[in-house]
């Protein structure tokens, strides 16, 4: 029976002498929760887990797109689409998109994620040529004006290739290299990092009755398989980021289970990206019919990710999130940089 180990993450100066540093970052742990399918969760001391599992949990993560993973990085969301769920249509004009990127940089973004195809529930596929026309000029405009890494949010090899030519420093694929068979080769040849995200089904249908045997362990196994696939295609493990895909083929209960068990994904040995900003489940739980009414809830989820050692937080509201992180550090004494 496969066994999974989830570190119980803590941070701050009140650290026992026998605590272990999580992934070379700001969190530490002494205990782990043991998960097995069909069995009750149990707690054991971290010193009692197998050495290979302990090594994956404690080995420092290498830099991603030039950013150190021993401090949380804020990825600003920039959708150059007419139909994204939160800001669709606001930044279709490249000049407005570049200007908004500048605003996010001033507010504290350390990475900008640019998408030219909405992947909201119910969204239809966009032709690659249209996606390129939306994204490549914006990437070139931002890289020409600011020294900040750009991530291209795409499932398509031709879009990724054009983005890399325009100056992108990372590929963020919501399909984890399963949509376009040529994308893995583009990533490998570029030598750039890639984020592999879990999604159940295509955006057009993914919220139609999603089901899992055990959502936390099912998503973990999926990401483990996709990491192995990426490595088989010549992509180095040190260049792989994982994302559990909050809201992508998940109910509210599924999203909450993934958030509660978030630290499990450190066991994959890769940096974690969390993208829950302004998503529907936040409004379902906390109120806020319009996505812009979900800022406070989004910050709360981002803080939870921070406390679980998540290295990259993908958010719309950079200023509010960074303000919360700065207060978290000041209050708790956690060394976040």
C-alpha atoms as a PDB file:
ATOM      1  CA  UNK A   1       0.000   0.000   0.000  1.00  0.00           C
ATOM      2  CA  UNK A   2       1.395   3.373  -1.023  1.00  0.00           C
ATOM      3  CA  UNK A   3       2.176   5.730   1.859  1.00  0.00           C
ATOM      4  CA  UNK A   4       2.118   9.521   1.683  1.00  0.00           C
ATOM      5  CA  UNK A   5       3.774  11.875   4.168  1.00  0.00           C
ATOM      6  CA  UNK A   6       2.385  15.338   4.889  1.00  0.00           C
ATOM      7  CA  UNK A   7       4.607  17.605   7.004  1.00  0.00           C
ATOM      8  CA  UNK A   8       2.897  19.615   9.757  1.00  0.00           C
ATOM      9  CA  UNK A   9       4.372  22.976   8.855  1.00  0.00           C
ATOM     10  CA  UNK A  10       5.195  25.740  11.316  1.00  0.00           C
ATOM     11  CA  UNK A  11       7.228  28.934  11.080  1.00  0.00           C
ATOM     12  CA  UNK A  12       8.619  31.672  13.278  1.00  0.00           C
ATOM     13  CA  UNK A  13      11.438  31.940  15.799  1.00  0.00           C
ATOM     14  CA  UNK A  14      10.100  29.440  18.380  1.00  0.00           C
ATOM     15  CA  UNK A  15      11.737  26.565  16.583  1.00  0.00           C
ATOM     16  CA  UNK A  16      12.813  23.443  18.505  1.00  0.00           C
ATOM     17  CA  UNK A  17      16.367  22.251  18.044  1.00  0.00           C
ATOM     18  CA  UNK A  18      15.246  19.028  16.367  1.00  0.00           C
ATOM     19  CA  UNK A  19      12.954  20.716  13.816  1.00  0.00           C
ATOM     20  CA  UNK A  20      13.662  20.150  10.122  1.00  0.00           C
ATOM     21  CA  UNK A  21      13.633  22.899   7.505  1.00  0.00           C
ATOM     22  CA  UNK A  22      10.958  22.405   4.844  1.00  0.00           C
ATOM     23  CA  UNK A  23      12.304  22.539   1.276  1.00  0.00           C
ATOM     24  CA  UNK A  24      15.050  24.991   2.251  1.00  0.00           C
ATOM     25  CA  UNK A  25      12.456  27.680   2.972  1.00  0.00           C
ATOM     26  CA  UNK A  26      10.945  29.540   5.911  1.00  0.00           C
ATOM     27  CA  UNK A  27       8.848  26.659   7.277  1.00  0.00           C
ATOM     28  CA  UNK A  28       9.899  23.840   9.573  1.00  0.00           C
ATOM     29  CA  UNK A  29       8.369  20.636  10.865  1.00  0.00           C
ATOM     30  CA  UNK A  30       8.857  17.929  13.484  1.00  0.00           C
ATOM     31  CA  UNK A  31       5.857  15.722  12.752  1.00  0.00           C
ATOM     32  CA  UNK A  32       4.174  14.320   9.680  1.00  0.00           C
ATOM     33  CA  UNK A  33       0.691  13.035   8.964  1.00  0.00           C
ATOM     34  CA  UNK A  34       0.719   9.606   7.338  1.00  0.00           C
ATOM     35  CA  UNK A  35      -1.909   9.042   4.631  1.00  0.00           C
ATOM     36  CA  UNK A  36      -2.869   5.715   3.053  1.00  0.00           C
ATOM     37  CA  UNK A  37      -5.887   4.896   0.939  1.00  0.00           C
ATOM     38  CA  UNK A  38      -8.613   3.263   2.989  1.00  0.00           C
ATOM     39  CA  UNK A  39      -6.827   3.887   6.299  1.00  0.00           C
ATOM     40  CA  UNK A  40      -7.198   6.496   9.024  1.00  0.00           C
ATOM     41  CA  UNK A  41      -4.648   9.291   9.089  1.00  0.00           C
ATOM     42  CA  UNK A  42      -2.001   8.954  11.808  1.00  0.00           C
ATOM     43  CA  UNK A  43       0.796  11.132  13.129  1.00  0.00           C
ATOM     44  CA  UNK A  44       4.444  10.165  13.516  1.00  0.00           C
ATOM     45  CA  UNK A  45       7.702  11.974  14.191  1.00  0.00           C
ATOM     46  CA  UNK A  46       9.418  13.223  11.050  1.00  0.00           C
ATOM     47  CA  UNK A  47      12.550  11.333  12.068  1.00  0.00           C
ATOM     48  CA  UNK A  48      10.632   8.081  11.597  1.00  0.00           C
ATOM     49  CA  UNK A  49       9.735   8.440   7.911  1.00  0.00           C
ATOM     50  CA  UNK A  50      11.836   6.779   5.161  1.00  0.00           C
ATOM     51  CA  UNK A  51      15.038   8.605   4.259  1.00  0.00           C
ATOM     52  CA  UNK A  52      14.041   9.172   0.615  1.00  0.00           C
ATOM     53  CA  UNK A  53      10.739  10.786   1.643  1.00  0.00           C
ATOM     54  CA  UNK A  54      12.532  12.936   4.209  1.00  0.00           C
ATOM     55  CA  UNK A  55      15.056  14.023   1.606  1.00  0.00           C
ATOM     56  CA  UNK A  56      12.310  15.179  -0.779  1.00  0.00           C
ATOM     57  CA  UNK A  57      10.701  17.213   2.004  1.00  0.00           C
ATOM     58  CA  UNK A  58      13.892  18.892   3.184  1.00  0.00           C
ATOM     59  CA  UNK A  59      16.036  19.392   0.063  1.00  0.00           C
ATOM     60  CA  UNK A  60      16.191  23.107  -0.848  1.00  0.00           C
ATOM     61  CA  UNK A  61      14.405  23.935  -4.089  1.00  0.00           C
ATOM     62  CA  UNK A  62      16.460  25.529  -6.818  1.00  0.00           C
ATOM     63  CA  UNK A  63      15.666  28.927  -8.347  1.00  0.00           C
ATOM     64  CA  UNK A  64      12.763  29.211 -10.777  1.00  0.00           C
ATOM     65  CA  UNK A  65      13.012  31.847 -13.512  1.00  0.00           C
ATOM     66  CA  UNK A  66      15.816  33.455 -11.521  1.00  0.00           C
ATOM     67  CA  UNK A  67      13.716  33.673  -8.351  1.00  0.00           C
ATOM     68  CA  UNK A  68      14.899  32.051  -5.129  1.00  0.00           C
ATOM     69  CA  UNK A  69      12.487  29.540  -3.630  1.00  0.00           C
ATOM     70  CA  UNK A  70      13.566  30.178  -0.024  1.00  0.00           C
ATOM     71  CA  UNK A  71      11.131  33.112   0.069  1.00  0.00           C
ATOM     72  CA  UNK A  72       7.514  33.391  -1.163  1.00  0.00           C
ATOM     73  CA  UNK A  73       7.143  34.826  -4.645  1.00  0.00           C
ATOM     74  CA  UNK A  74       4.066  36.752  -5.790  1.00  0.00           C
ATOM     75  CA  UNK A  75       2.953  35.945  -9.334  1.00  0.00           C
ATOM     76  CA  UNK A  76       0.712  38.654 -10.732  1.00  0.00           C
ATOM     77  CA  UNK A  77      -2.144  37.519 -12.989  1.00  0.00           C
ATOM     78  CA  UNK A  78      -2.451  39.338 -16.313  1.00  0.00           C
ATOM     79  CA  UNK A  79      -5.224  38.031 -18.575  1.00  0.00           C
ATOM     80  CA  UNK A  80      -5.192  39.474 -22.082  1.00  0.00           C
ATOM     81  CA  UNK A  81      -8.541  37.866 -22.899  1.00  0.00           C
ATOM     82  CA  UNK A  82     -12.105  39.075 -23.440  1.00  0.00           C
ATOM     83  CA  UNK A  83     -13.681  36.397 -21.255  1.00  0.00           C
ATOM     84  CA  UNK A  84     -11.595  35.565 -18.174  1.00  0.00           C
ATOM     85  CA  UNK A  85     -13.798  35.219 -15.104  1.00  0.00           C
ATOM     86  CA  UNK A  86     -12.401  38.173 -13.136  1.00  0.00           C
ATOM     87  CA  UNK A  87     -10.808  40.733 -15.462  1.00  0.00           C
ATOM     88  CA  UNK A  88     -11.765  39.601 -18.959  1.00  0.00           C
ATOM     89  CA  UNK A  89     -11.552  42.433 -21.488  1.00  0.00           C
ATOM     90  CA  UNK A  90      -9.802  44.955 -19.227  1.00  0.00           C
ATOM     91  CA  UNK A  91      -6.320  44.427 -20.664  1.00  0.00           C
ATOM     92  CA  UNK A  92      -6.876  43.406 -24.285  1.00  0.00           C
ATOM     93  CA  UNK A  93      -5.092  46.601 -25.369  1.00  0.00           C
ATOM     94  CA  UNK A  94      -1.353  45.812 -25.132  1.00  0.00           C
ATOM     95  CA  UNK A  95      -0.573  49.269 -23.766  1.00  0.00           C
ATOM     96  CA  UNK A  96      -3.083  48.790 -20.936  1.00  0.00           C
ATOM     97  CA  UNK A  97      -1.709  45.325 -20.254  1.00  0.00           C
ATOM     98  CA  UNK A  98       1.876  46.583 -20.017  1.00  0.00           C
ATOM     99  CA  UNK A  99       0.719  49.423 -17.775  1.00  0.00           C
ATOM    100  CA  UNK A 100      -1.090  47.021 -15.450  1.00  0.00           C
ATOM    101  CA  UNK A 101       2.019  44.856 -15.266  1.00  0.00           C
ATOM    102  CA  UNK A 102       3.925  47.938 -14.161  1.00  0.00           C
ATOM    103  CA  UNK A 103       1.357  48.573 -11.438  1.00  0.00           C
ATOM    104  CA  UNK A 104       1.711  45.014 -10.158  1.00  0.00           C
ATOM    105  CA  UNK A 105       5.493  45.271 -10.173  1.00  0.00           C
ATOM    106  CA  UNK A 106       5.338  48.456  -8.102  1.00  0.00           C
ATOM    107  CA  UNK A 107       2.980  46.706  -5.677  1.00  0.00           C
ATOM    108  CA  UNK A 108       5.427  43.854  -5.153  1.00  0.00           C
ATOM    109  CA  UNK A 109       4.941  41.252  -7.889  1.00  0.00           C
ATOM    110  CA  UNK A 110       8.104  39.275  -8.577  1.00  0.00           C
ATOM    111  CA  UNK A 111       6.702  37.338 -11.553  1.00  0.00           C
ATOM    112  CA  UNK A 112       3.947  38.079 -14.097  1.00  0.00           C
ATOM    113  CA  UNK A 113       1.783  35.299 -15.574  1.00  0.00           C
ATOM    114  CA  UNK A 114       0.257  36.217 -18.940  1.00  0.00           C
ATOM    115  CA  UNK A 115      -2.623  34.250 -20.430  1.00  0.00           C
ATOM    116  CA  UNK A 116      -4.333  34.667 -23.788  1.00  0.00           C
ATOM    117  CA  UNK A 117      -6.905  31.881 -23.414  1.00  0.00           C
ATOM    118  CA  UNK A 118      -9.458  31.816 -20.635  1.00  0.00           C
ATOM    119  CA  UNK A 119      -9.567  28.538 -18.728  1.00  0.00           C
ATOM    120  CA  UNK A 120     -12.538  29.502 -16.568  1.00  0.00           C
ATOM    121  CA  UNK A 121     -15.289  26.884 -16.231  1.00  0.00           C
ATOM    122  CA  UNK A 122     -17.214  26.688 -19.511  1.00  0.00           C
ATOM    123  CA  UNK A 123     -14.568  28.443 -21.607  1.00  0.00           C
ATOM    124  CA  UNK A 124     -13.995  27.360 -25.207  1.00  0.00           C
ATOM    125  CA  UNK A 125     -10.618  26.769 -26.810  1.00  0.00           C
ATOM    126  CA  UNK A 126      -8.954  29.737 -28.528  1.00  0.00           C
ATOM    127  CA  UNK A 127      -7.040  29.254 -31.817  1.00  0.00           C
ATOM    128  CA  UNK A 128      -3.273  29.335 -31.285  1.00  0.00           C
ATOM    129  CA  UNK A 129      -2.798  32.233 -33.710  1.00  0.00           C
ATOM    130  CA  UNK A 130      -5.228  34.373 -31.711  1.00  0.00           C
ATOM    131  CA  UNK A 131      -3.558  33.424 -28.451  1.00  0.00           C
ATOM    132  CA  UNK A 132      -0.158  34.399 -29.873  1.00  0.00           C
ATOM    133  CA  UNK A 133      -1.497  37.723 -31.135  1.00  0.00           C
ATOM    134  CA  UNK A 134      -2.814  38.515 -27.662  1.00  0.00           C
ATOM    135  CA  UNK A 135       0.240  37.476 -25.640  1.00  0.00           C
ATOM    136  CA  UNK A 136       3.488  37.898 -27.587  1.00  0.00           C
ATOM    137  CA  UNK A 137       3.320  41.719 -27.951  1.00  0.00           C
ATOM    138  CA  UNK A 138       2.539  42.107 -24.240  1.00  0.00           C
ATOM    139  CA  UNK A 139       5.436  39.868 -23.216  1.00  0.00           C
ATOM    140  CA  UNK A 140       7.792  41.819 -25.440  1.00  0.00           C
ATOM    141  CA  UNK A 141       6.444  45.108 -24.081  1.00  0.00           C
ATOM    142  CA  UNK A 142       6.891  44.138 -20.444  1.00  0.00           C
ATOM    143  CA  UNK A 143      10.346  42.616 -20.874  1.00  0.00           C
ATOM    144  CA  UNK A 144      11.415  45.733 -22.744  1.00  0.00           C
ATOM    145  CA  UNK A 145      10.254  47.990 -19.922  1.00  0.00           C
ATOM    146  CA  UNK A 146      10.967  46.040 -16.720  1.00  0.00           C
ATOM    147  CA  UNK A 147      13.393  43.495 -15.339  1.00  0.00           C
ATOM    148  CA  UNK A 148      10.937  40.838 -14.203  1.00  0.00           C
ATOM    149  CA  UNK A 149      10.422  37.230 -15.320  1.00  0.00           C
ATOM    150  CA  UNK A 150       7.325  36.519 -17.396  1.00  0.00           C
ATOM    151  CA  UNK A 151       5.374  33.267 -17.351  1.00  0.00           C
ATOM    152  CA  UNK A 152       3.221  32.279 -20.323  1.00  0.00           C
ATOM    153  CA  UNK A 153      -0.020  30.586 -19.283  1.00  0.00           C
ATOM    154  CA  UNK A 154      -0.741  28.254 -22.204  1.00  0.00           C
ATOM    155  CA  UNK A 155      -1.484  24.655 -23.175  1.00  0.00           C
ATOM    156  CA  UNK A 156      -0.118  25.017 -26.709  1.00  0.00           C
ATOM    157  CA  UNK A 157       3.388  24.471 -28.075  1.00  0.00           C
ATOM    158  CA  UNK A 158       3.248  27.172 -30.751  1.00  0.00           C
ATOM    159  CA  UNK A 159       2.056  29.757 -28.238  1.00  0.00           C
ATOM    160  CA  UNK A 160       4.804  28.783 -25.807  1.00  0.00           C
ATOM    161  CA  UNK A 161       7.467  28.920 -28.517  1.00  0.00           C
ATOM    162  CA  UNK A 162       6.432  32.430 -29.576  1.00  0.00           C
ATOM    163  CA  UNK A 163       6.280  33.538 -25.953  1.00  0.00           C
ATOM    164  CA  UNK A 164       9.817  32.274 -25.348  1.00  0.00           C
ATOM    165  CA  UNK A 165      10.985  34.186 -28.430  1.00  0.00           C
ATOM    166  CA  UNK A 166       9.304  37.308 -27.018  1.00  0.00           C
ATOM    167  CA  UNK A 167      11.143  36.925 -23.695  1.00  0.00           C
ATOM    168  CA  UNK A 168       9.080  34.598 -21.479  1.00  0.00           C
ATOM    169  CA  UNK A 169      11.062  32.893 -18.711  1.00  0.00           C
ATOM    170  CA  UNK A 170       8.584  30.165 -17.694  1.00  0.00           C
ATOM    171  CA  UNK A 171       5.758  28.048 -19.128  1.00  0.00           C
ATOM    172  CA  UNK A 172       2.626  27.517 -17.016  1.00  0.00           C
ATOM    173  CA  UNK A 173       0.468  24.687 -18.386  1.00  0.00           C
ATOM    174  CA  UNK A 174      -2.921  23.995 -16.821  1.00  0.00           C
ATOM    175  CA  UNK A 175      -2.943  20.655 -18.663  1.00  0.00           C
ATOM    176  CA  UNK A 176       0.431  19.472 -17.296  1.00  0.00           C
ATOM    177  CA  UNK A 177       1.804  18.729 -20.797  1.00  0.00           C
ATOM    178  CA  UNK A 178      -1.158  16.502 -21.693  1.00  0.00           C
ATOM    179  CA  UNK A 179      -3.052  18.754 -24.136  1.00  0.00           C
ATOM    180  CA  UNK A 180      -0.440  19.347 -26.839  1.00  0.00           C
ATOM    181  CA  UNK A 181       2.017  16.488 -27.457  1.00  0.00           C
ATOM    182  CA  UNK A 182       4.658  18.927 -28.727  1.00  0.00           C
ATOM    183  CA  UNK A 183       4.702  21.229 -25.706  1.00  0.00           C
ATOM    184  CA  UNK A 184       7.036  19.053 -23.638  1.00  0.00           C
ATOM    185  CA  UNK A 185       9.636  19.235 -26.403  1.00  0.00           C
ATOM    186  CA  UNK A 186       9.326  23.025 -26.573  1.00  0.00           C
ATOM    187  CA  UNK A 187       9.844  23.246 -22.810  1.00  0.00           C
ATOM    188  CA  UNK A 188      12.820  20.876 -22.869  1.00  0.00           C
ATOM    189  CA  UNK A 189      14.492  22.709 -25.747  1.00  0.00           C
ATOM    190  CA  UNK A 190      13.953  26.087 -24.095  1.00  0.00           C
ATOM    191  CA  UNK A 191      15.616  25.031 -20.842  1.00  0.00           C
ATOM    192  CA  UNK A 192      12.984  27.065 -18.987  1.00  0.00           C
ATOM    193  CA  UNK A 193      10.961  26.017 -15.941  1.00  0.00           C
ATOM    194  CA  UNK A 194       7.450  24.647 -16.350  1.00  0.00           C
ATOM    195  CA  UNK A 195       4.491  24.526 -14.000  1.00  0.00           C
ATOM    196  CA  UNK A 196       2.445  21.332 -14.170  1.00  0.00           C
ATOM    197  CA  UNK A 197      -1.114  21.830 -12.957  1.00  0.00           C
ATOM    198  CA  UNK A 198      -3.802  19.273 -12.174  1.00  0.00           C
ATOM    199  CA  UNK A 199      -7.176  19.633 -13.876  1.00  0.00           C
ATOM    200  CA  UNK A 200      -9.955  17.107 -14.269  1.00  0.00           C
ATOM    201  CA  UNK A 201     -11.405  17.539 -17.745  1.00  0.00           C
ATOM    202  CA  UNK A 202     -11.238  20.437 -20.207  1.00  0.00           C
ATOM    203  CA  UNK A 203     -12.312  23.947 -19.121  1.00  0.00           C
ATOM    204  CA  UNK A 204     -15.576  23.666 -21.077  1.00  0.00           C
ATOM    205  CA  UNK A 205     -16.745  20.660 -19.038  1.00  0.00           C
ATOM    206  CA  UNK A 206     -14.517  20.381 -15.971  1.00  0.00           C
ATOM    207  CA  UNK A 207     -17.151  21.512 -13.458  1.00  0.00           C
ATOM    208  CA  UNK A 208     -19.702  18.944 -14.615  1.00  0.00           C
ATOM    209  CA  UNK A 209     -19.857  16.608 -11.622  1.00  0.00           C
ATOM    210  CA  UNK A 210     -16.135  16.153 -10.866  1.00  0.00           C
ATOM    211  CA  UNK A 211     -15.462  13.050  -8.765  1.00  0.00           C
ATOM    212  CA  UNK A 212     -12.434  11.507  -7.035  1.00  0.00           C
ATOM    213  CA  UNK A 213     -11.682   8.483  -4.902  1.00  0.00           C
ATOM    214  CA  UNK A 214      -9.530  10.672  -2.635  1.00  0.00           C
ATOM    215  CA  UNK A 215      -8.957  14.114  -4.107  1.00  0.00           C
ATOM    216  CA  UNK A 216      -5.764  14.855  -2.157  1.00  0.00           C
ATOM    217  CA  UNK A 217      -4.065  11.576  -3.017  1.00  0.00           C
ATOM    218  CA  UNK A 218      -5.487  11.438  -6.558  1.00  0.00           C
ATOM    219  CA  UNK A 219      -4.068  14.873  -7.372  1.00  0.00           C
ATOM    220  CA  UNK A 220      -0.736  13.950  -5.788  1.00  0.00           C
ATOM    221  CA  UNK A 221      -0.513  10.774  -7.895  1.00  0.00           C
ATOM    222  CA  UNK A 222      -1.424  12.675 -11.064  1.00  0.00           C
ATOM    223  CA  UNK A 223       1.294  15.263 -10.472  1.00  0.00           C
ATOM    224  CA  UNK A 224       3.816  12.557  -9.619  1.00  0.00           C
ATOM    225  CA  UNK A 225       3.041  10.861 -12.954  1.00  0.00           C
ATOM    226  CA  UNK A 226       3.312  14.130 -14.894  1.00  0.00           C
ATOM    227  CA  UNK A 227       6.653  14.929 -13.260  1.00  0.00           C
ATOM    228  CA  UNK A 228       7.919  11.527 -14.387  1.00  0.00           C
ATOM    229  CA  UNK A 229       6.639  12.223 -17.907  1.00  0.00           C
ATOM    230  CA  UNK A 230       8.315  15.630 -18.019  1.00  0.00           C
ATOM    231  CA  UNK A 231      11.614  14.153 -16.859  1.00  0.00           C
ATOM    232  CA  UNK A 232      11.324  11.433 -19.528  1.00  0.00           C
ATOM    233  CA  UNK A 233      11.076  14.227 -22.122  1.00  0.00           C
ATOM    234  CA  UNK A 234      14.318  15.821 -20.965  1.00  0.00           C
ATOM    235  CA  UNK A 235      12.966  18.432 -18.530  1.00  0.00           C
ATOM    236  CA  UNK A 236      15.049  18.613 -15.367  1.00  0.00           C
ATOM    237  CA  UNK A 237      13.247  18.057 -12.060  1.00  0.00           C
ATOM    238  CA  UNK A 238      14.798  21.268 -10.697  1.00  0.00           C
ATOM    239  CA  UNK A 239      12.850  23.165 -13.369  1.00  0.00           C
ATOM    240  CA  UNK A 240       9.436  21.700 -12.510  1.00  0.00           C
ATOM    241  CA  UNK A 241       6.804  23.470 -10.395  1.00  0.00           C
ATOM    242  CA  UNK A 242       3.553  21.763  -9.337  1.00  0.00           C
ATOM    243  CA  UNK A 243       0.071  23.227  -8.891  1.00  0.00           C
ATOM    244  CA  UNK A 244      -2.864  21.249  -7.393  1.00  0.00           C
ATOM    245  CA  UNK A 245      -5.276  23.183  -9.612  1.00  0.00           C
ATOM    246  CA  UNK A 246      -7.749  24.733  -7.192  1.00  0.00           C
ATOM    247  CA  UNK A 247     -11.082  25.176  -8.983  1.00  0.00           C
ATOM    248  CA  UNK A 248     -10.155  23.078 -12.027  1.00  0.00           C
ATOM    249  CA  UNK A 249     -12.587  20.182 -11.969  1.00  0.00           C
ATOM    250  CA  UNK A 250     -13.201  20.431  -8.231  1.00  0.00           C
ATOM    251  CA  UNK A 251     -16.174  21.066  -5.974  1.00  0.00           C
ATOM    252  CA  UNK A 252     -15.971  23.336  -2.934  1.00  0.00           C
ATOM    253  CA  UNK A 253     -15.302  20.261  -0.789  1.00  0.00           C
ATOM    254  CA  UNK A 254     -12.505  19.156  -3.121  1.00  0.00           C
ATOM    255  CA  UNK A 255     -10.880  22.592  -2.995  1.00  0.00           C
ATOM    256  CA  UNK A 256     -11.003  22.631   0.799  1.00  0.00           C
ATOM    257  CA  UNK A 257      -9.530  19.141   1.048  1.00  0.00           C
ATOM    258  CA  UNK A 258      -6.622  20.190  -1.175  1.00  0.00           C
ATOM    259  CA  UNK A 259      -6.017  23.341   0.843  1.00  0.00           C
ATOM    260  CA  UNK A 260      -6.091  21.440   4.134  1.00  0.00           C
ATOM    261  CA  UNK A 261      -3.596  18.931   2.786  1.00  0.00           C
ATOM    262  CA  UNK A 262      -1.484  21.394   0.811  1.00  0.00           C
ATOM    263  CA  UNK A 263       1.816  20.557   2.457  1.00  0.00           C
ATOM    264  CA  UNK A 264       1.568  16.979   1.143  1.00  0.00           C
ATOM    265  CA  UNK A 265       2.724  18.246  -2.258  1.00  0.00           C
ATOM    266  CA  UNK A 266       6.145  19.144  -0.874  1.00  0.00           C
ATOM    267  CA  UNK A 267       6.724  15.401  -1.005  1.00  0.00           C
ATOM    268  CA  UNK A 268       6.984  15.674  -4.792  1.00  0.00           C
ATOM    269  CA  UNK A 269      10.309  17.453  -4.356  1.00  0.00           C
ATOM    270  CA  UNK A 270       9.319  20.487  -6.453  1.00  0.00           C
ATOM    271  CA  UNK A 271       8.245  24.066  -5.653  1.00  0.00           C
ATOM    272  CA  UNK A 272       4.486  24.493  -5.244  1.00  0.00           C
ATOM    273  CA  UNK A 273       2.348  27.110  -6.977  1.00  0.00           C
ATOM    274  CA  UNK A 274      -1.065  27.981  -5.514  1.00  0.00           C
ATOM    275  CA  UNK A 275      -3.615  29.766  -7.680  1.00  0.00           C
ATOM    276  CA  UNK A 276      -6.904  30.314  -5.867  1.00  0.00           C
ATOM    277  CA  UNK A 277      -7.297  34.060  -6.308  1.00  0.00           C
ATOM    278  CA  UNK A 278     -10.904  35.313  -6.580  1.00  0.00           C
ATOM    279  CA  UNK A 279     -12.231  31.855  -7.441  1.00  0.00           C
ATOM    280  CA  UNK A 280     -15.867  30.936  -7.070  1.00  0.00           C
ATOM    281  CA  UNK A 281     -15.508  28.780  -3.960  1.00  0.00           C
ATOM    282  CA  UNK A 282     -14.286  31.857  -2.051  1.00  0.00           C
ATOM    283  CA  UNK A 283     -17.549  33.637  -2.800  1.00  0.00           C
ATOM    284  CA  UNK A 284     -19.579  30.495  -2.064  1.00  0.00           C
ATOM    285  CA  UNK A 285     -18.075  30.268   1.418  1.00  0.00           C
ATOM    286  CA  UNK A 286     -17.484  33.905   2.286  1.00  0.00           C
ATOM    287  CA  UNK A 287     -19.916  35.832   0.117  1.00  0.00           C
ATOM    288  CA  UNK A 288     -19.107  38.045  -2.830  1.00  0.00           C
ATOM    289  CA  UNK A 289     -20.989  37.348  -6.024  1.00  0.00           C
ATOM    290  CA  UNK A 290     -18.616  39.419  -8.141  1.00  0.00           C
ATOM    291  CA  UNK A 291     -14.988  38.244  -8.353  1.00  0.00           C
ATOM    292  CA  UNK A 292     -13.760  41.664  -7.210  1.00  0.00           C
ATOM    293  CA  UNK A 293     -15.686  41.130  -3.946  1.00  0.00           C
ATOM    294  CA  UNK A 294     -13.442  38.158  -3.105  1.00  0.00           C
ATOM    295  CA  UNK A 295     -10.187  40.000  -2.363  1.00  0.00           C
ATOM    296  CA  UNK A 296     -10.225  39.420   1.395  1.00  0.00           C
ATOM    297  CA  UNK A 297     -11.002  35.734   0.978  1.00  0.00           C
ATOM    298  CA  UNK A 298      -8.282  35.418  -1.645  1.00  0.00           C
ATOM    299  CA  UNK A 299      -5.750  36.964   0.741  1.00  0.00           C
ATOM    300  CA  UNK A 300      -6.855  34.536   3.462  1.00  0.00           C
ATOM    301  CA  UNK A 301      -6.206  31.578   1.143  1.00  0.00           C
ATOM    302  CA  UNK A 302      -2.837  33.018   0.078  1.00  0.00           C
ATOM    303  CA  UNK A 303      -1.845  33.383   3.744  1.00  0.00           C
ATOM    304  CA  UNK A 304      -2.776  29.764   4.312  1.00  0.00           C
ATOM    305  CA  UNK A 305      -0.528  28.819   1.404  1.00  0.00           C
ATOM    306  CA  UNK A 306       2.291  30.894   2.856  1.00  0.00           C
ATOM    307  CA  UNK A 307       1.927  29.124   6.206  1.00  0.00           C
ATOM    308  CA  UNK A 308       2.112  25.772   4.403  1.00  0.00           C
ATOM    309  CA  UNK A 309       5.391  26.700   2.721  1.00  0.00           C
ATOM    310  CA  UNK A 310       4.022  27.357  -0.783  1.00  0.00           C
ATOM    311  CA  UNK A 311       6.732  29.070  -2.787  1.00  0.00           C
ATOM    312  CA  UNK A 312       4.693  30.807  -5.539  1.00  0.00           C
ATOM    313  CA  UNK A 313       1.329  32.494  -4.927  1.00  0.00           C
ATOM    314  CA  UNK A 314      -0.566  33.377  -8.116  1.00  0.00           C
ATOM    315  CA  UNK A 315      -2.853  36.329  -7.304  1.00  0.00           C
ATOM    316  CA  UNK A 316      -4.789  39.212  -8.824  1.00  0.00           C
ATOM    317  CA  UNK A 317      -4.396  41.555  -5.862  1.00  0.00           C
ATOM    318  CA  UNK A 318      -0.679  42.043  -5.348  1.00  0.00           C
ATOM    319  CA  UNK A 319      -0.801  45.006  -2.963  1.00  0.00           C
ATOM    320  CA  UNK A 320      -3.313  43.412  -0.580  1.00  0.00           C
ATOM    321  CA  UNK A 321      -1.487  40.089  -0.584  1.00  0.00           C
ATOM    322  CA  UNK A 322       1.950  41.588  -0.024  1.00  0.00           C
ATOM    323  CA  UNK A 323       0.580  43.767   2.769  1.00  0.00           C
ATOM    324  CA  UNK A 324      -0.786  40.636   4.467  1.00  0.00           C
ATOM    325  CA  UNK A 325       2.536  38.821   4.015  1.00  0.00           C
ATOM    326  CA  UNK A 326       4.465  41.761   5.459  1.00  0.00           C
ATOM    327  CA  UNK A 327       2.191  41.806   8.513  1.00  0.00           C
ATOM    328  CA  UNK A 328       2.487  38.045   8.895  1.00  0.00           C
ATOM    329  CA  UNK A 329       6.262  38.373   8.983  1.00  0.00           C
ATOM    330  CA  UNK A 330       6.206  41.290  11.410  1.00  0.00           C
ATOM    331  CA  UNK A 331       3.788  39.595  13.829  1.00  0.00           C
ATOM    332  CA  UNK A 332       5.167  36.077  13.784  1.00  0.00           C
ATOM    333  CA  UNK A 333       8.837  36.805  13.225  1.00  0.00           C
ATOM    334  CA  UNK A 334       8.862  34.323  10.322  1.00  0.00           C
ATOM    335  CA  UNK A 335      11.848  34.930   8.057  1.00  0.00           C
ATOM    336  CA  UNK A 336      10.209  35.215   4.638  1.00  0.00           C
ATOM    337  CA  UNK A 337      13.171  36.567   2.706  1.00  0.00           C
END
